[in-house]
Amino acid sequence: MTNNQTSAIVKRAIDELSKEQSYKSVCHQKVQEHRMPSINSLAQIVNLAREIIFPGYFDDTAMNSNSIGYYIGVNTEKLYALLADQIMAGLCFECAGAEPMDETEVHKISHQLAAEFVAQLPEIRRILATDVEAAFLGDPAAKSRGEVIFCYPAIRAISNYRIANALVNIGVPLIPRIISEMAHSETGIDIHPKAVIGEYFSIDHGTGVVIGATSIIGKNVKLFQGVTLGAKSFPLDDDGNPIKGVPRHPIIEDDVVIYAQATILGRITVGANSVIGGNVWVTNSVTPNSKLVQFKPRDLLYSEGGGI
């Protein structure tokens, strides 16, 4: 093939890629030349939040009771500034194609939202401490709570979820989903930031866990690897498009254990104090204090509306 031929091939590809019908559904038109959200900056924000929540674990800075106020203060100020900048980028991304935005107003809103998030850090720390406690008490292999904080991928994923969920709850767009997907990529644990999860939540091993957006999980719930809390179906509108925002994921009540590879689908309820065995497929509600396991010869696995 000659140079002229290869140049012609490249030119044809450029022409095809430059046609509006080719790119219009996948091209992001920036508003007022604002920057896109930055994965690197968001990773720094998550790391700073983790350093503030778990002082001494994710930074080699020398620290004691006399210096912790300075340590937390410096990191919190950094987090606030970075987060305000990224929230502004997220707000501009959401408004792509709309009327030009008042930059002064967007700047004000982004800083207000960043301050609201910072105000939630004490509560995020409190509830993450319960998650660490649940993981430590629930795993005989854990030698210390510090080991759980420093080493367990579930705590990393749950930390990202707690941070992202706090941002969702104050109305921050886009950024929470990016933060949750960062943990998904790193740990294999996929928790949607809109899910509602109570305290003392633990995930053992964790790889392959999926928790959908409208899932509601009570207190002291434990999941094992490969568990799916998913949707059974998607209601459609008159044009055949999925209807957004409809509750379609399970409700898991307090003190439930769900073992590896169990799949729980639809807006059903798993009652309190129930145990769901490994590889079980559940599409009907489960009464409290139930135990569902796989078939054994001449055994009944499931009865409508309850367990064995």
Protein backbone atom coordinates (compact mmCIF):
# COMPACT_ATOMS: atom_id res chain seq x y z
CA MET A 1 0.00 0.00 0.00
CA THR A 2 1.43 3.39 -1.00
CA ASN A 3 1.65 6.48 1.17
CA ASN A 4 -1.05 8.12 -0.91
CA GLN A 5 -3.38 5.16 -0.31
CA THR A 6 -2.85 5.13 3.47
CA SER A 7 -3.33 8.91 3.58
CA ALA A 8 -6.61 8.52 1.70
CA ILE A 9 -7.80 5.88 4.20
CA VAL A 10 -7.01 8.18 7.13
CA LYS A 11 -8.70 11.13 5.39
CA ARG A 12 -11.88 9.12 4.79
CA ALA A 13 -11.98 8.10 8.48
CA ILE A 14 -11.57 11.73 9.56
CA ASP A 15 -14.36 12.80 7.23
CA GLU A 16 -16.71 10.12 8.58
CA LEU A 17 -15.90 10.93 12.21
CA SER A 18 -16.48 14.64 11.57
CA LYS A 19 -20.04 14.22 10.27
CA GLU A 20 -22.62 15.48 12.73
CA GLN A 21 -24.79 12.38 12.51
CA SER A 22 -21.76 10.36 13.63
CA TYR A 23 -20.85 12.37 16.73
CA LYS A 24 -23.96 14.25 17.83
CA SER A 25 -25.07 11.60 20.36
CA VAL A 26 -21.63 11.14 21.93
CA CYS A 27 -20.08 14.62 21.77
CA HIS A 28 -20.06 16.85 24.86
CA GLN A 29 -20.44 20.53 24.03
CA LYS A 30 -18.76 22.55 26.76
CA VAL A 31 -20.56 25.54 28.23
CA GLN A 32 -18.57 28.78 28.20
CA GLU A 33 -15.36 26.76 27.83
CA HIS A 34 -15.65 25.39 31.36
CA ARG A 35 -13.42 22.45 32.24
CA MET A 36 -14.72 18.92 32.59
CA PRO A 37 -14.64 17.26 36.04
CA SER A 38 -11.19 15.83 36.72
CA ILE A 39 -10.73 12.20 37.74
CA ASN A 40 -7.36 13.08 39.27
CA SER A 41 -8.84 15.91 41.35
CA LEU A 42 -11.73 13.75 42.49
CA ALA A 43 -9.28 11.01 43.52
CA GLN A 44 -7.41 13.62 45.56
CA ILE A 45 -10.69 14.74 47.17
CA VAL A 46 -11.56 11.16 48.15
CA ASN A 47 -8.07 10.62 49.56
CA LEU A 48 -8.27 13.84 51.57
CA ALA A 49 -11.68 12.86 52.92
CA ARG A 50 -10.28 9.45 53.87
CA GLU A 51 -7.32 11.09 55.64
CA ILE A 52 -9.69 13.35 57.59
CA ILE A 53 -12.06 10.52 58.51
CA PHE A 54 -9.29 8.06 59.43
CA PRO A 55 -6.40 10.28 60.65
CA GLY A 56 -2.98 8.68 60.49
CA TYR A 57 -3.82 5.81 58.14
CA PHE A 58 -3.46 7.31 54.67
CA ASP A 59 -0.75 9.93 55.16
CA ASP A 60 2.77 9.67 56.57
CA THR A 61 2.57 13.05 58.32
CA ALA A 62 3.70 12.88 61.94
CA MET A 63 0.65 13.54 64.11
CA ASN A 64 -0.33 13.58 67.80
CA SER A 65 -3.11 15.00 69.94
CA ASN A 66 -1.45 18.42 69.90
CA SER A 67 -1.16 18.63 66.11
CA ILE A 68 -4.30 16.83 64.95
CA GLY A 69 -6.31 20.06 64.77
CA TYR A 70 -3.75 21.55 62.40
CA TYR A 71 -3.55 18.31 60.37
CA ILE A 72 -7.33 18.08 59.94
CA GLY A 73 -7.64 21.80 59.33
CA VAL A 74 -5.12 21.84 56.49
CA ASN A 75 -6.63 18.79 54.80
CA THR A 76 -10.19 20.08 55.21
CA GLU A 77 -9.32 23.43 53.65
CA LYS A 78 -7.68 21.63 50.71
CA LEU A 79 -10.70 19.35 50.32
CA TYR A 80 -13.13 22.29 50.43
CA ALA A 81 -11.29 24.24 47.71
CA LEU A 82 -10.86 21.23 45.42
CA LEU A 83 -14.43 20.08 45.90
CA ALA A 84 -15.92 23.50 45.17
CA ASP A 85 -13.95 23.60 41.92
CA GLN A 86 -15.12 20.11 40.91
CA ILE A 87 -18.74 20.81 41.85
CA MET A 88 -18.59 23.86 39.58
CA ALA A 89 -17.31 21.64 36.76
CA GLY A 90 -20.12 19.18 37.44
CA LEU A 91 -22.76 21.91 37.42
CA CYS A 92 -21.45 23.23 34.10
CA PHE A 93 -21.39 19.71 32.65
CA GLU A 94 -25.04 19.16 33.60
CA CYS A 95 -26.04 22.43 31.91
CA ALA A 96 -24.33 21.70 28.58
CA GLY A 97 -26.48 22.99 25.74
CA ALA A 98 -28.59 25.18 28.04
CA GLU A 99 -28.63 28.95 28.37
CA PRO A 100 -25.31 30.51 29.46
CA MET A 101 -24.95 30.36 33.23
CA ASP A 102 -24.17 33.23 35.56
CA GLU A 103 -20.62 32.39 36.62
CA THR A 104 -20.93 34.36 39.85
CA GLU A 105 -24.03 32.39 40.84
CA VAL A 106 -22.46 29.05 39.91
CA HIS A 107 -19.35 29.93 41.92
CA LYS A 108 -21.54 30.77 44.92
CA ILE A 109 -23.60 27.57 44.65
CA SER A 110 -20.53 25.35 44.28
CA HIS A 111 -18.92 26.81 47.39
CA GLN A 112 -22.15 26.49 49.37
CA LEU A 113 -22.46 22.83 48.40
CA ALA A 114 -18.80 22.17 49.25
CA ALA A 115 -19.35 23.72 52.69
CA GLU A 116 -22.47 21.60 53.21
CA PHE A 117 -20.45 18.49 52.43
CA VAL A 118 -17.68 19.47 54.85
CA ALA A 119 -20.33 19.92 57.56
CA GLN A 120 -21.30 16.25 57.06
CA LEU A 121 -17.79 14.87 57.61
CA PRO A 122 -18.29 14.22 61.36
CA GLU A 123 -21.39 12.12 60.63
CA ILE A 124 -19.62 10.31 57.78
CA ARG A 125 -16.82 9.45 60.20
CA ARG A 126 -19.30 8.23 62.82
CA ILE A 127 -21.13 5.89 60.46
CA LEU A 128 -17.94 4.63 58.79
CA ALA A 129 -16.63 3.77 62.26
CA THR A 130 -19.66 1.48 62.65
CA ASP A 131 -18.88 -0.13 59.28
CA VAL A 132 -15.31 -0.77 60.42
CA GLU A 133 -16.61 -2.29 63.66
CA ALA A 134 -18.98 -4.58 61.75
CA ALA A 135 -16.17 -5.78 59.48
CA PHE A 136 -13.82 -6.37 62.42
CA LEU A 137 -16.32 -8.27 64.53
CA GLY A 138 -17.59 -10.22 61.54
CA ASP A 139 -14.23 -11.50 60.29
CA PRO A 140 -12.17 -13.84 62.50
CA ALA A 141 -9.17 -13.18 60.24
CA ALA A 142 -9.13 -9.46 61.12
CA LYS A 143 -6.44 -8.83 63.73
CA SER A 144 -7.34 -5.19 64.39
CA ARG A 145 -9.64 -2.40 63.37
CA GLY A 146 -6.60 -0.69 61.88
CA GLU A 147 -6.08 -3.64 59.57
CA VAL A 148 -9.70 -3.34 58.44
CA ILE A 149 -9.34 0.40 57.73
CA PHE A 150 -6.03 0.09 55.95
CA CYS A 151 -6.42 -3.15 54.00
CA TYR A 152 -10.03 -4.13 53.37
CA PRO A 153 -11.37 -3.26 49.90
CA ALA A 154 -14.92 -3.22 51.26
CA ILE A 155 -14.07 -0.30 53.55
CA ARG A 156 -12.57 1.56 50.60
CA ALA A 157 -15.72 0.96 48.54
CA ILE A 158 -18.07 1.81 51.42
CA SER A 159 -16.04 4.97 52.15
CA ASN A 160 -16.48 6.11 48.56
CA TYR A 161 -20.18 5.28 48.79
CA ARG A 162 -20.64 7.25 52.04
CA ILE A 163 -18.85 10.26 50.51
CA ALA A 164 -20.79 10.02 47.24
CA ASN A 165 -24.12 9.51 49.03
CA ALA A 166 -23.54 12.63 51.14
CA LEU A 167 -22.92 14.60 47.94
CA VAL A 168 -26.04 13.18 46.28
CA ASN A 169 -28.15 14.13 49.28
CA ILE A 170 -27.19 17.81 48.99
CA GLY A 171 -27.87 17.89 45.26
CA VAL A 172 -24.40 17.66 43.72
CA PRO A 173 -24.66 16.36 40.13
CA LEU A 174 -22.39 13.88 38.32
CA ILE A 175 -19.51 13.98 40.85
CA PRO A 176 -21.03 11.33 43.18
CA ARG A 177 -21.40 8.83 40.34
CA ILE A 178 -17.78 9.33 39.30
CA ILE A 179 -16.63 8.76 42.90
CA SER A 180 -18.64 5.54 43.22
CA GLU A 181 -17.33 4.26 39.88
CA MET A 182 -13.76 4.96 41.01
CA ALA A 183 -14.31 2.49 43.86
CA HIS A 184 -16.02 0.06 41.49
CA SER A 185 -12.99 0.07 39.20
CA GLU A 186 -10.59 -0.37 42.10
CA THR A 187 -12.42 -2.99 44.20
CA GLY A 188 -15.01 -4.66 41.96
CA ILE A 189 -17.74 -3.49 44.37
CA ASP A 190 -20.48 -1.47 42.65
CA ILE A 191 -22.60 0.63 45.03
CA HIS A 192 -24.81 3.29 43.48
CA PRO A 193 -24.50 6.57 45.40
CA LYS A 194 -28.29 6.95 45.65
CA ALA A 195 -28.72 3.68 47.55
CA VAL A 196 -29.72 4.08 51.21
CA ILE A 197 -27.55 2.02 53.57
CA GLY A 198 -27.76 1.94 57.35
CA GLU A 199 -24.93 1.74 59.86
CA TYR A 200 -22.85 -1.34 60.75
CA PHE A 201 -22.82 -2.37 57.08
CA SER A 202 -20.23 -4.92 55.98
CA ILE A 203 -19.20 -6.72 52.81
CA ASP A 204 -17.05 -9.84 53.19
CA HIS A 205 -14.49 -10.21 50.35
CA GLY A 206 -16.75 -8.10 48.16
CA THR A 207 -15.72 -8.70 44.56
CA GLY A 208 -18.76 -8.65 42.28
CA VAL A 209 -21.22 -7.07 44.73
CA VAL A 210 -23.81 -4.86 42.99
CA ILE A 211 -26.19 -2.55 44.89
CA GLY A 212 -28.71 -0.69 42.72
CA ALA A 213 -29.75 2.95 42.97
CA THR A 214 -33.08 2.49 44.76
CA SER A 215 -31.91 -0.21 47.17
CA ILE A 216 -32.67 0.37 50.85
CA ILE A 217 -30.50 -1.50 53.35
CA GLY A 218 -31.11 -1.45 57.09
CA LYS A 219 -28.70 -1.68 60.01
CA ASN A 220 -26.24 -4.49 60.64
CA VAL A 221 -26.56 -6.08 57.20
CA LYS A 222 -23.77 -8.30 55.88
CA LEU A 223 -23.20 -9.22 52.23
CA PHE A 224 -20.72 -11.67 50.78
CA GLN A 225 -19.00 -11.58 47.40
CA GLY A 226 -21.08 -11.68 44.24
CA VAL A 227 -24.35 -10.56 45.84
CA THR A 228 -26.66 -8.59 43.53
CA LEU A 229 -29.40 -6.28 44.73
CA GLY A 230 -30.84 -5.56 41.32
CA ALA A 231 -33.91 -4.72 39.27
CA LYS A 232 -36.18 -7.39 37.81
CA SER A 233 -37.69 -5.24 35.08
CA PHE A 234 -37.91 -1.67 33.85
CA PRO A 235 -41.36 -0.11 33.34
CA LEU A 236 -41.66 1.63 29.97
CA ASP A 237 -43.48 4.79 28.93
CA ASP A 238 -45.81 5.09 25.94
CA ASP A 239 -42.82 5.49 23.63
CA GLY A 240 -41.15 2.33 24.92
CA ASN A 241 -38.45 4.15 26.89
CA PRO A 242 -37.54 3.13 30.48
CA ILE A 243 -39.24 5.27 33.15
CA LYS A 244 -36.59 6.81 35.36
CA GLY A 245 -36.70 7.10 39.15
CA VAL A 246 -39.10 4.25 39.86
CA PRO A 247 -38.20 2.20 42.99
CA ARG A 248 -37.07 -1.09 41.46
CA HIS A 249 -34.44 -2.55 43.82
CA PRO A 250 -34.83 -4.58 47.03
CA ILE A 251 -35.40 -3.42 50.59
CA ILE A 252 -33.17 -5.33 53.01
CA GLU A 253 -34.26 -4.95 56.63
CA ASP A 254 -32.05 -5.00 59.75
CA ASP A 255 -29.76 -7.88 60.73
CA VAL A 256 -29.88 -9.74 57.41
CA VAL A 257 -27.02 -11.91 56.08
CA ILE A 258 -26.82 -12.61 52.33
CA TYR A 259 -24.27 -15.21 51.27
CA ALA A 260 -22.12 -15.38 48.15
CA GLN A 261 -23.62 -15.07 44.67
CA ALA A 262 -27.21 -14.62 45.89
CA THR A 263 -29.32 -12.57 43.48
CA ILE A 264 -32.22 -10.53 44.86
CA LEU A 265 -34.29 -8.73 42.25
CA GLY A 266 -37.14 -6.25 42.17
CA ARG A 267 -38.87 -4.05 44.73
CA ILE A 268 -39.24 -6.82 47.28
CA THR A 269 -38.48 -6.91 51.00
CA VAL A 270 -36.15 -9.29 52.79
CA GLY A 271 -37.44 -9.26 56.35
CA ALA A 272 -35.32 -8.60 59.42
CA ASN A 273 -33.09 -11.34 60.86
CA SER A 274 -33.26 -13.41 57.66
CA VAL A 275 -30.47 -15.45 56.10
CA ILE A 276 -30.21 -15.82 52.32
CA GLY A 277 -28.01 -18.72 51.26
CA GLY A 278 -25.41 -18.73 48.51
CA ASN A 279 -26.48 -18.84 44.84
CA VAL A 280 -30.15 -18.33 45.72
CA TRP A 281 -32.38 -16.41 43.26
CA VAL A 282 -35.02 -14.33 45.08
CA THR A 283 -37.85 -12.42 43.34
CA ASN A 284 -40.53 -12.55 46.06
CA SER A 285 -40.57 -10.89 49.46
CA VAL A 286 -39.18 -12.85 52.39
CA THR A 287 -40.83 -12.71 55.82
CA PRO A 288 -38.71 -11.82 58.87
CA ASN A 289 -36.63 -14.58 60.49
CA SER A 290 -36.58 -16.64 57.27
CA LYS A 291 -33.81 -18.87 56.00
CA LEU A 292 -33.53 -19.51 52.26
CA VAL A 293 -31.07 -22.07 50.94
CA GLN A 294 -30.58 -24.09 47.77
CA PHE A 295 -32.63 -27.18 47.03
CA LYS A 296 -31.71 -30.45 48.61
CA PRO A 297 -33.45 -33.69 47.62
CA ARG A 298 -37.10 -33.61 48.71
CA ASP A 299 -36.58 -30.23 50.41
CA LEU A 300 -38.65 -27.13 49.66
CA LEU A 301 -36.56 -24.05 48.97
CA TYR A 302 -39.15 -21.31 48.96
CA SER A 303 -42.79 -20.67 49.77
CA GLU A 304 -44.66 -17.61 48.52
CA GLY A 305 -44.14 -14.57 50.71
CA GLY A 306 -41.79 -16.22 53.17
CA GLY A 307 -38.95 -18.57 53.87
CA ILE A 308 -38.70 -22.18 54.89
